[in-house]
Amino acid sequence: MIQAYKTYFPQIAADAFLADNATLIGQVRVGSQSSIWYQAVLRGDVGAIHIGERSSIQDGTIIHCTTGRSPVVVGNDVIVGHRVILHGCTIEDEVLVGMGAIVLDEARLPSHCLLAAGALVPEGMQLESGYLYAGIPARKIKALRPEQIEQIRAGARHYVEKAQWYRSQNSDSYDS
């Protein structure tokens, strides 16, 4: 479902994939070749949500903001796993957010970061580039090896290809 909120209407790149039961409301912008999967909710009714290019927002993820605080910014080539909650935070380029993780207001995950499944990044926490984080609250576990960073890039490419196949099964365009 694509729905306006007051004067705001989601802007979705023509080559993005939007699952038929994903919900985008209000101040939402989705970049080229990105994918919003089944039952994901991007509710831009109190702040802006920006999804960069070639990023994957997977099934059941919820993205929202707090009134008067930070927008949600998801960079390029990001994989946001199933059932993640992103709330008023920044996720930079080439990051993997594991299934069921929660990232709260004004937290920041820099490029080349891997957040483990089920981890909680508390409000305002600033992670460091090049590390795996896990736990509640999230803690630095170990440095990522170059091949792990390449796996994030490869994963992003994989979801672009998968989304292209799904788009080919449905001719609707979301260009707005």
Foldseek 3Di string as FASTA:
>chain_A
DWEEADPFGEAEDQQEFEDPQEYEYGQEYAEALEYEEACEYEHCRQHHAYAEYLEYHYAQEYEEEDHPAAYEAAEYLEYEEHNEYEYQEYEYPQEYEEACEYEYHLEYHYHQEYEYHNEYDDHNHYDDHQFYWYDVPTDTDDGHDPVVSVVSNVVSVVSSVVSNVVCVVPVDTRHD
